[in-house]
Protein backbone atom coordinates (compact mmCIF):
# COMPACT_ATOMS: atom_id res chain seq x y z
CA MET A 1 283.04 24.88 233.77
CA ARG A 2 282.19 27.99 235.17
CA ASN A 3 281.52 26.73 238.83
CA LEU A 4 284.40 24.15 238.51
CA LEU A 5 286.99 25.07 241.73
CA VAL A 6 290.33 25.47 240.43
CA VAL A 7 293.28 25.13 243.36
CA LEU A 8 296.73 26.43 242.77
CA ILE A 9 299.45 24.84 245.03
CA LEU A 10 301.74 27.72 244.33
CA CYS A 11 300.74 31.31 243.69
CA ALA A 12 302.78 34.08 242.15
CA ALA A 13 304.00 37.34 243.88
CA VAL A 14 302.26 40.35 242.45
CA VAL A 15 304.29 43.91 243.14
CA HIS A 16 301.25 45.94 244.73
CA ALA A 17 301.51 49.31 245.38
CA ALA A 18 300.63 51.72 248.11
CA ASP A 19 299.24 55.07 249.06
CA SER A 20 297.29 55.17 245.82
CA ARG A 21 295.28 58.36 245.16
CA VAL A 22 293.08 58.23 242.04
CA ALA A 23 291.10 60.89 239.65
CA VAL A 24 288.62 59.80 236.92
CA THR A 25 287.54 62.45 234.60
CA ILE A 26 284.92 60.82 232.87
CA TYR A 27 283.39 61.97 229.18
CA ASN A 28 279.93 61.04 227.38
CA ASP A 29 281.00 58.60 225.32
CA ASN A 30 282.55 55.78 226.84
CA LEU A 31 285.51 57.03 227.93
CA ALA A 32 287.66 58.20 230.69
CA LEU A 33 290.92 59.48 231.59
CA VAL A 34 292.64 57.81 234.98
CA ARG A 35 295.39 59.78 236.90
CA ASP A 36 297.04 57.57 239.50
CA VAL A 37 299.25 58.55 241.81
CA ARG A 38 301.27 56.01 244.22
CA ASP A 39 304.39 55.58 245.99
CA LEU A 40 306.12 53.46 244.46
CA ASN A 41 309.71 51.10 245.65
CA PHE A 42 312.15 50.72 243.16
CA ALA A 43 315.56 48.46 243.00
CA LYS A 44 318.26 50.32 241.55
CA GLY A 45 319.38 49.85 237.97
CA MET A 46 317.36 47.93 235.21
CA GLN A 47 314.54 45.64 236.36
CA GLN A 48 310.66 44.38 235.33
CA PHE A 49 308.45 46.08 237.58
CA LYS A 50 304.50 45.10 237.47
CA PHE A 51 302.30 47.74 238.08
CA VAL A 52 298.62 46.45 238.92
CA ASP A 53 295.05 47.16 239.50
CA VAL A 54 294.89 48.76 236.34
CA ALA A 55 291.55 49.11 234.24
CA ALA A 56 290.65 45.69 231.70
CA ARG A 57 289.74 47.93 229.11
CA ILE A 58 292.55 50.55 229.41
CA ASP A 59 294.41 52.01 226.07
CA PRO A 60 297.58 50.90 226.55
CA THR A 61 299.05 53.15 224.08
CA SER A 62 297.83 56.37 226.13
CA VAL A 63 299.74 55.40 229.34
CA HIS A 64 301.94 58.36 230.49
CA PHE A 65 304.32 57.59 233.20
CA LYS A 66 306.62 60.24 235.27
CA SER A 67 308.07 60.44 238.48
CA LEU A 68 306.41 63.07 241.16
CA SER A 69 309.73 62.68 243.09
CA ASP A 70 312.71 63.17 240.77
CA ALA A 71 311.43 63.90 236.80
CA ASN A 72 314.97 61.97 236.37
CA ALA A 73 314.95 59.22 238.67
CA ILE A 74 313.33 56.65 236.19
CA SER A 75 313.92 55.89 232.81
CA LEU A 76 310.54 53.91 231.25
CA LEU A 77 312.29 51.34 228.47
CA GLU A 78 309.52 49.50 227.60
CA GLN A 79 305.85 48.63 228.28
CA ASN A 80 303.41 45.51 227.80
CA PHE A 81 299.69 45.22 228.67
CA GLU A 82 299.31 41.60 230.25
CA TYR A 83 295.80 40.84 230.15
CA ASP A 84 295.99 36.99 229.91
CA LEU A 85 294.01 36.45 233.18
CA VAL A 86 294.12 33.60 235.20
CA GLY A 87 290.71 30.95 234.55
CA THR A 88 289.71 27.34 234.15
CA ASN A 89 290.05 27.38 230.74
CA ARG A 90 293.36 29.21 230.47
CA LEU A 91 294.77 27.25 233.10
CA LEU A 92 293.66 23.91 230.99
CA GLN A 93 295.03 25.42 227.72
CA LYS A 94 298.49 26.15 228.77
CA TYR A 95 298.59 22.58 231.15
CA ILE A 96 298.50 20.67 228.17
CA ASP A 97 300.89 17.97 228.50
CA GLU A 98 301.55 18.79 232.23
CA GLN A 99 300.57 17.42 235.52
CA ILE A 100 296.86 17.67 236.97
CA GLN A 101 294.73 15.97 239.03
CA ALA A 102 291.05 16.01 238.97
CA SER A 103 288.33 15.42 241.42
CA ILE A 104 284.95 13.98 239.86
CA HIS A 105 281.41 14.48 241.62
CA ASN A 106 281.26 10.49 242.89
CA GLY A 107 284.57 11.13 244.51
CA ASP A 108 287.08 9.62 242.70
CA VAL A 109 290.26 11.20 241.86
CA VAL A 110 292.03 11.23 238.44
CA SER A 111 296.00 12.28 238.64
CA GLY A 112 298.19 12.15 235.12
CA THR A 113 298.66 14.22 232.18
CA LEU A 114 296.65 16.44 230.48
CA LEU A 115 296.08 15.55 227.26
CA SER A 116 293.41 17.40 226.01
CA SER A 117 290.56 20.28 227.23
CA ALA A 118 288.52 20.85 224.11
CA GLY A 119 284.51 21.01 224.57
CA GLY A 120 285.16 21.85 228.25
CA ASP A 121 285.64 17.79 228.45
CA VAL A 122 289.53 16.75 230.16
CA VAL A 123 291.24 14.16 228.93
CA ILE A 124 294.05 12.61 231.31
CA ARG A 125 296.26 10.10 230.76
CA THR A 126 296.47 8.21 234.04
CA ASP A 127 299.56 7.17 235.98
CA ASP A 128 299.19 3.78 234.88
CA GLY A 129 299.16 4.57 231.31
CA LYS A 130 295.70 4.76 230.56
CA ILE A 131 293.61 7.08 228.95
CA GLN A 132 290.37 8.47 230.85
CA ALA A 133 287.82 11.26 229.57
CA VAL A 134 286.20 13.34 231.99
CA LYS A 135 282.96 15.19 230.95
CA ALA A 136 283.38 18.92 232.20
CA ALA A 137 279.68 18.07 234.56
CA ASN A 138 281.04 15.76 236.14
CA LEU A 139 284.15 17.93 237.33
CA GLU A 140 284.24 18.92 240.93
CA SER A 141 287.74 20.22 241.10
CA ILE A 142 291.20 20.51 238.88
CA ILE A 143 294.32 20.77 240.78
CA PHE A 144 297.11 22.85 238.95
CA PRO A 145 300.71 22.34 240.78
CA SER A 146 301.48 26.11 239.87
CA LEU A 147 300.57 29.40 238.20
CA PRO A 148 301.90 28.77 234.58
CA ASP A 149 304.40 32.14 233.35
CA GLY A 150 302.26 34.70 231.55
CA LEU A 151 298.94 34.21 233.39
CA MET A 152 297.96 36.98 235.50
CA THR A 153 295.24 37.36 238.60
CA ARG A 154 294.60 40.95 236.85
CA PRO A 155 294.74 43.26 234.41
CA THR A 156 298.50 44.21 234.60
CA LEU A 157 301.37 46.82 233.21
CA VAL A 158 304.84 45.18 233.08
CA TRP A 159 307.76 47.80 232.60
CA LEU A 160 311.25 47.35 231.70
CA LEU A 161 312.93 50.12 233.42
CA ASP A 162 315.97 51.91 234.44
CA ALA A 163 316.12 53.34 238.16
CA LYS A 164 319.06 55.64 238.87
CA LYS A 165 318.50 55.16 242.77
CA SER A 166 316.79 52.96 244.84
CA GLY A 167 313.74 53.87 247.21
CA VAL A 168 310.47 55.08 247.22
CA GLN A 169 309.39 57.12 244.34
CA ASN A 170 305.92 59.29 244.19
CA CYS A 171 304.37 58.82 240.66
CA GLU A 172 301.61 59.67 238.69
CA ILE A 173 300.26 57.11 236.04
CA SER A 174 297.81 58.24 233.72
CA TYR A 175 295.71 56.43 230.80
CA LEU A 176 292.76 56.20 229.10
CA THR A 177 289.93 53.49 228.95
CA THR A 178 286.45 52.38 227.61
CA GLY A 179 284.02 51.08 229.41
CA ILE A 180 283.04 54.00 231.55
CA SER A 181 280.87 56.89 230.46
CA TRP A 182 278.18 59.21 232.09
CA HIS A 183 274.96 60.50 231.14
CA ALA A 184 272.40 63.16 232.81
CA GLU A 185 268.52 62.49 233.87
CA TYR A 186 266.58 65.18 234.82
CA VAL A 187 263.42 64.92 236.70
CA ALA A 188 260.91 67.41 236.37
CA VAL A 189 257.13 68.34 238.07
CA VAL A 190 254.62 70.53 236.46
CA ASN A 191 252.33 72.36 238.93
CA GLU A 192 248.46 72.02 238.38
CA LYS A 193 248.06 74.68 235.83
CA ASP A 194 251.25 73.83 234.13
CA THR A 195 252.98 77.10 234.70
CA LYS A 196 255.56 76.50 236.99
CA LEU A 197 258.09 73.61 236.61
CA ASP A 198 260.66 72.05 239.63
CA LEU A 199 263.79 70.37 237.76
CA ALA A 200 266.37 68.84 239.64
CA GLY A 201 269.31 67.17 237.77
CA TRP A 202 270.82 63.66 238.54
CA VAL A 203 274.42 62.31 236.95
CA SER A 204 274.47 58.65 236.18
CA VAL A 205 278.23 57.25 236.23
CA GLU A 206 278.14 53.87 234.70
CA ASN A 207 281.32 51.80 235.22
CA ASN A 208 282.23 48.29 233.09
CA SER A 209 286.15 49.30 232.65
CA GLY A 210 287.19 46.44 234.97
CA ALA A 211 288.72 48.21 237.38
CA THR A 212 287.33 49.54 240.94
CA TYR A 213 288.33 53.26 241.75
CA GLU A 214 288.49 54.07 245.67
CA ASN A 215 287.89 57.17 247.00
CA ALA A 216 288.62 58.99 243.68
CA LYS A 217 288.27 62.33 242.58
CA LEU A 218 285.38 62.38 240.23
CA LYS A 219 285.47 64.99 237.01
CA LEU A 220 282.95 64.76 233.95
CA VAL A 221 283.28 66.58 230.82
CA ALA A 222 280.42 67.62 229.28
CA GLY A 223 281.08 68.18 225.20
CA ASP A 224 281.44 66.59 222.14
CA VAL A 225 284.74 65.34 222.23
CA ASN A 226 286.69 64.77 218.76
CA ARG A 227 287.47 61.38 218.60
CA ILE A 228 288.76 58.99 215.82
CA THR A 229 288.71 55.24 218.03
CA PRO A 230 285.55 52.98 216.36
CA ALA A 231 281.99 53.12 217.64
CA ALA A 232 281.91 51.97 220.92
CA PRO A 233 280.36 48.47 221.51
CA PRO A 234 276.48 47.81 223.09
CA ARG A 235 276.65 48.75 226.88
CA THR A 236 275.46 45.80 229.11
CA TYR A 237 273.85 46.20 232.18
CA LYS A 238 274.46 42.10 233.39
CA MET A 239 275.24 41.64 237.03
CA MET A 240 275.81 45.86 237.78
CA ALA A 241 275.03 47.43 241.10
CA MET A 242 273.35 50.57 241.65
CA ALA A 243 274.31 53.16 244.37
CA ALA A 244 272.66 56.72 244.50
CA GLU A 245 273.83 59.54 246.58
CA SER A 246 271.60 62.87 246.71
CA ASP A 247 272.81 65.39 248.67
CA ALA A 248 272.58 68.79 246.64
CA SER A 249 274.93 71.17 244.97
CA GLN A 250 277.82 68.58 245.20
CA PHE A 251 279.45 69.48 241.79
CA GLU A 252 281.10 72.80 241.27
CA GLU A 253 280.75 73.50 237.49
CA LYS A 254 282.98 75.96 235.06
CA SER A 255 283.99 76.31 231.63
CA PHE A 256 286.57 74.17 230.23
CA PHE A 257 288.19 74.93 226.95
CA GLU A 258 285.19 74.36 224.65
CA TYR A 259 283.31 72.35 227.18
CA HIS A 260 282.18 72.32 230.65
CA LEU A 261 283.83 70.35 233.62
CA TYR A 262 281.60 69.16 236.56
CA THR A 263 283.69 68.57 239.55
CA LEU A 264 282.60 66.28 242.39
CA GLN A 265 283.38 68.11 245.90
CA ARG A 266 284.23 65.00 247.65
CA PRO A 267 286.21 61.54 246.87
CA ALA A 268 283.92 58.75 245.84
CA THR A 269 284.26 55.08 244.87
CA ILE A 270 283.27 53.85 241.67
CA LYS A 271 282.76 50.05 241.69
CA ASP A 272 283.51 47.96 238.45
CA ARG A 273 280.31 46.84 237.10
CA GLN A 274 278.12 49.22 239.45
CA ILE A 275 276.05 52.47 237.97
CA LYS A 276 276.27 55.45 240.51
CA GLN A 277 273.85 58.25 240.48
CA VAL A 278 275.04 61.37 242.21
CA ALA A 279 272.49 64.15 242.25
CA LEU A 280 273.71 67.46 240.15
CA PHE A 281 271.23 69.79 241.40
CA SER A 282 268.67 70.03 243.79
CA PRO A 283 265.11 71.30 242.37
CA GLN A 284 264.93 74.25 241.05
CA THR A 285 261.87 76.03 240.41
CA ALA A 286 261.22 77.86 236.58
CA GLN A 287 258.31 79.62 234.96
CA VAL A 288 257.19 76.89 231.64
CA ALA A 289 254.98 77.57 228.78
CA LYS A 290 252.59 75.08 227.80
CA VAL A 291 252.61 75.43 223.54
CA TYR A 292 250.30 73.60 221.30
CA SER A 293 251.56 73.10 217.76
CA TYR A 294 250.15 71.69 214.40
CA ASP A 295 251.87 70.31 211.57
CA GLY A 296 249.06 69.45 209.35
CA GLU A 297 251.69 68.60 206.56
CA ARG A 298 253.52 66.19 208.13
CA ASN A 299 251.22 65.10 211.16
CA GLN A 300 247.91 65.19 209.98
CA LYS A 301 245.60 65.57 212.70
CA LYS A 302 247.42 65.47 215.56
CA VAL A 303 248.29 68.69 217.43
CA LYS A 304 251.72 68.09 219.29
CA VAL A 305 252.07 69.76 223.13
CA THR A 306 255.54 71.00 224.08
CA LEU A 307 256.62 72.45 227.63
CA GLU A 308 258.99 75.47 226.73
CA PHE A 309 261.20 77.27 229.51
CA ASP A 310 264.14 79.54 229.75
CA ASN A 311 267.55 78.16 230.75
CA SER A 312 268.42 81.78 233.21
CA LYS A 313 268.98 82.59 236.24
CA ASP A 314 265.97 85.11 236.40
CA ASN A 315 263.40 82.26 235.39
CA GLY A 316 265.59 79.83 238.30
CA LEU A 317 268.01 77.87 236.65
CA GLY A 318 271.00 79.50 234.32
CA MET A 319 273.11 76.55 234.73
CA PRO A 320 275.01 74.76 231.58
CA LEU A 321 272.69 71.45 231.59
CA PRO A 322 274.39 68.73 229.99
CA LYS A 323 272.71 66.49 227.25
CA GLY A 324 270.43 63.69 229.02
CA LYS A 325 266.83 62.53 229.47
CA VAL A 326 264.35 64.81 231.26
CA ARG A 327 261.09 62.88 232.47
CA VAL A 328 258.07 65.03 233.23
CA TYR A 329 255.25 64.37 236.20
CA LYS A 330 252.44 65.89 236.90
CA ASN A 331 249.86 65.70 240.43
CA ASP A 332 246.66 64.55 239.42
CA ALA A 333 243.91 65.11 241.81
CA ASP A 334 244.19 62.47 244.11
CA GLY A 335 247.64 64.15 245.18
CA ALA A 336 249.57 61.13 243.30
CA GLN A 337 252.26 61.55 240.67
CA GLU A 338 251.67 60.59 237.44
CA PHE A 339 254.19 60.51 234.31
CA ILE A 340 253.35 62.82 231.30
CA GLY A 341 256.13 62.26 228.59
CA GLU A 342 259.69 62.66 228.55
CA ASP A 343 262.13 64.11 225.58
CA ALA A 344 265.78 64.33 225.83
CA ILE A 345 267.99 67.67 225.42
CA ASP A 346 271.04 68.39 224.02
CA HIS A 347 274.20 70.12 225.83
CA THR A 348 272.08 72.89 226.57
CA PRO A 349 274.16 76.49 227.61
CA LYS A 350 272.74 79.17 229.97
CA ASP A 351 270.28 81.78 228.48
CA GLU A 352 268.76 79.34 226.08
CA THR A 353 265.66 78.15 225.41
CA ILE A 354 264.58 74.06 226.49
CA ARG A 355 261.51 72.56 224.87
CA LEU A 356 260.09 69.31 225.52
CA THR A 357 257.70 67.42 223.68
CA MET A 358 255.26 65.60 225.62
CA GLY A 359 253.17 64.07 223.15
CA ASN A 360 249.63 64.61 221.48
CA ALA A 361 246.73 66.62 222.42
CA PHE A 362 243.78 64.05 223.38
CA ASP A 363 241.06 66.97 222.98
CA ILE A 364 242.51 69.28 220.46
CA VAL A 365 241.95 67.64 216.67
CA GLY A 366 243.38 69.56 213.23
CA GLU A 367 242.76 69.34 209.65
CA ARG A 368 244.41 70.41 206.67
CA VAL A 369 242.93 71.02 203.28
CA VAL A 370 244.49 72.03 200.22
CA LYS A 371 241.53 73.64 198.57
CA GLU A 372 242.63 75.17 195.10
CA VAL A 373 246.16 74.67 193.32
CA LYS A 374 246.43 77.57 190.27
CA LYS A 375 249.43 77.11 187.98
CA ILE A 376 250.41 80.45 186.90
CA ASN A 377 253.25 79.74 184.16
CA LYS A 378 255.91 76.94 184.28
CA ARG A 379 257.98 78.43 187.46
CA SER A 380 255.05 79.61 189.65
CA ARG A 381 251.77 78.57 191.17
CA GLN A 382 249.28 79.81 193.71
CA GLN A 383 248.03 77.70 196.54
CA THR A 384 245.51 78.04 198.80
CA VAL A 385 245.00 76.04 202.06
CA GLU A 386 242.26 75.89 204.48
CA ILE A 387 243.18 74.58 208.44
CA THR A 388 240.65 73.81 210.88
CA LEU A 389 241.70 73.63 214.48
CA ARG A 390 238.51 71.99 216.89
CA ASN A 391 239.33 72.68 220.63
CA HIS A 392 237.23 69.74 222.94
CA LYS A 393 238.81 71.53 225.88
CA ASP A 394 236.52 73.71 228.49
CA GLU A 395 239.19 76.16 227.84
CA LYS A 396 240.81 78.99 225.35
CA ILE A 397 243.62 78.20 223.97
CA ASN A 398 246.65 79.08 221.22
CA VAL A 399 247.74 76.67 218.40
CA THR A 400 250.94 77.58 216.72
CA VAL A 401 250.47 76.37 212.88
CA ILE A 402 253.59 75.48 211.04
CA GLU A 403 253.30 75.28 207.11
CA HIS A 404 256.24 74.48 205.02
CA PHE A 405 257.80 76.30 201.79
CA TYR A 406 260.00 75.84 199.19
CA GLY A 407 261.49 77.97 196.92
CA ASP A 408 260.73 81.93 196.49
CA TRP A 409 257.25 82.48 198.22
CA SER A 410 254.88 84.81 199.18
CA PHE A 411 251.54 85.39 201.00
CA ILE A 412 248.61 86.93 198.76
CA GLY A 413 245.94 88.20 200.82
CA LYS A 414 245.16 87.74 204.75
CA THR A 415 246.89 85.59 206.87
CA PRO A 416 246.43 84.52 210.53
CA THR A 417 249.23 86.40 212.90
CA VAL A 418 252.42 85.16 211.65
CA LYS A 419 254.57 84.39 215.10
CA LYS A 420 257.92 83.07 213.14
CA LYS A 421 258.79 83.29 209.67
CA THR A 422 261.73 81.81 207.96
CA ALA A 423 262.87 80.71 204.41
CA ASP A 424 261.20 77.59 204.29
CA ARG A 425 258.52 78.07 207.03
CA VAL A 426 255.87 80.41 208.88
CA GLU A 427 254.63 79.82 211.99
CA PHE A 428 251.05 81.15 212.54
CA THR A 429 249.42 81.59 215.61
CA VAL A 430 245.94 80.99 215.86
CA PRO A 431 243.04 81.09 219.10
CA VAL A 432 240.59 78.66 219.28
CA PRO A 433 237.49 78.95 221.93
CA ALA A 434 236.73 76.84 224.46
CA ASP A 435 235.13 73.84 223.43
CA GLY A 436 234.59 75.64 219.69
CA GLU A 437 236.78 75.40 216.70
CA THR A 438 238.57 78.02 214.52
CA THR A 439 238.78 77.84 210.38
CA PHE A 440 241.37 80.06 208.39
CA GLU A 441 242.44 79.93 204.89
CA TYR A 442 245.47 81.37 203.14
CA THR A 443 246.82 81.96 199.46
CA VAL A 444 250.51 81.64 198.75
CA LEU A 445 252.57 82.24 195.64
CA LEU A 446 255.35 79.81 195.23
CA LYS A 447 257.98 80.59 192.07
CA TYR A 448 260.68 77.92 191.35
């Protein structure tokens, strides 16, 4: 009965507050802090007050209320979060054994006492005592005399409070809500020689909290904030609108506790069921290096391609970058921009190196063969490995060859140039000529 017209003869009154000023601080993991400042009009003494237009997914245990006009003027005694909202099914449930009027598609009108609405069908005892069952598919509208007690037209905080005086108080209400999150996306374009990269950043705010925040002050927190709440439910994109805003340099970034805070320098309206995209920064040009790496133990013949660049001011960047997806493009010979790969970055401080895996090189092949294993004693053995790199490109390249070791180990004899060495792996730098190949071997003594 989703499209069924529901008519209420008598509508319940709701207290609305004026002059709302909203700030929303959004975290990466499906959480936001809403700070709502409103002028609220109270009567003197103990009273029930309805605060409407809160998020449907509010955590009511996180609500904080205070009067900015007079901190001692209002005493909050009790709070109820009312989320039993008006809808056809809820109205039918509330009106069991009560009078309703149902209109049917054929033009008939049935009036009487509602006996059941199970399964969506409506069973009515008519005014002449007959029992009439109407299939849900045949209903056109139902008229209910009034709005039952306890049903709300929107999520509402209902307070029992004591006001020392009557009049308008400027009040601040803050609360946490789920259903709203943000994430960063980056677009990178590399030049013809793969030596420079133009990087632009965007943030996407996704709002499923059940509320719209008009002209809100928007802040985004980047960092891993500890929470003890259960895992968030899967996100849904159903019935969402997309809004994009692309003015450059809209966010001011600064350190905040052990996180980074990005504040939009103008108000923004965040609609419910909307994904809003805002430019984080305009395109910046940075030097980039294309790195080939071969890990024959784990990837057999494939040679991985990685783009690496420094997030530093000297390299045209230097802004703390929130975690997100980086999509990389390059112009082909016709000038058309083509997609060449994507990767995700974690929260990255300034002056750190960013590595983006693009995929596997088509024209470079690796081969790894264990030529000999010699047992020295019960706790050691000697192993000889041969690695061949074949380059079918028309330019010479360098390949980083990665080998993994465990326990106490050391090389015996000659090895290629060592690029990096740790307790459990070594990286060799191996030059490979254009349209040619390079073969080398090494011997390692492994002790356990």
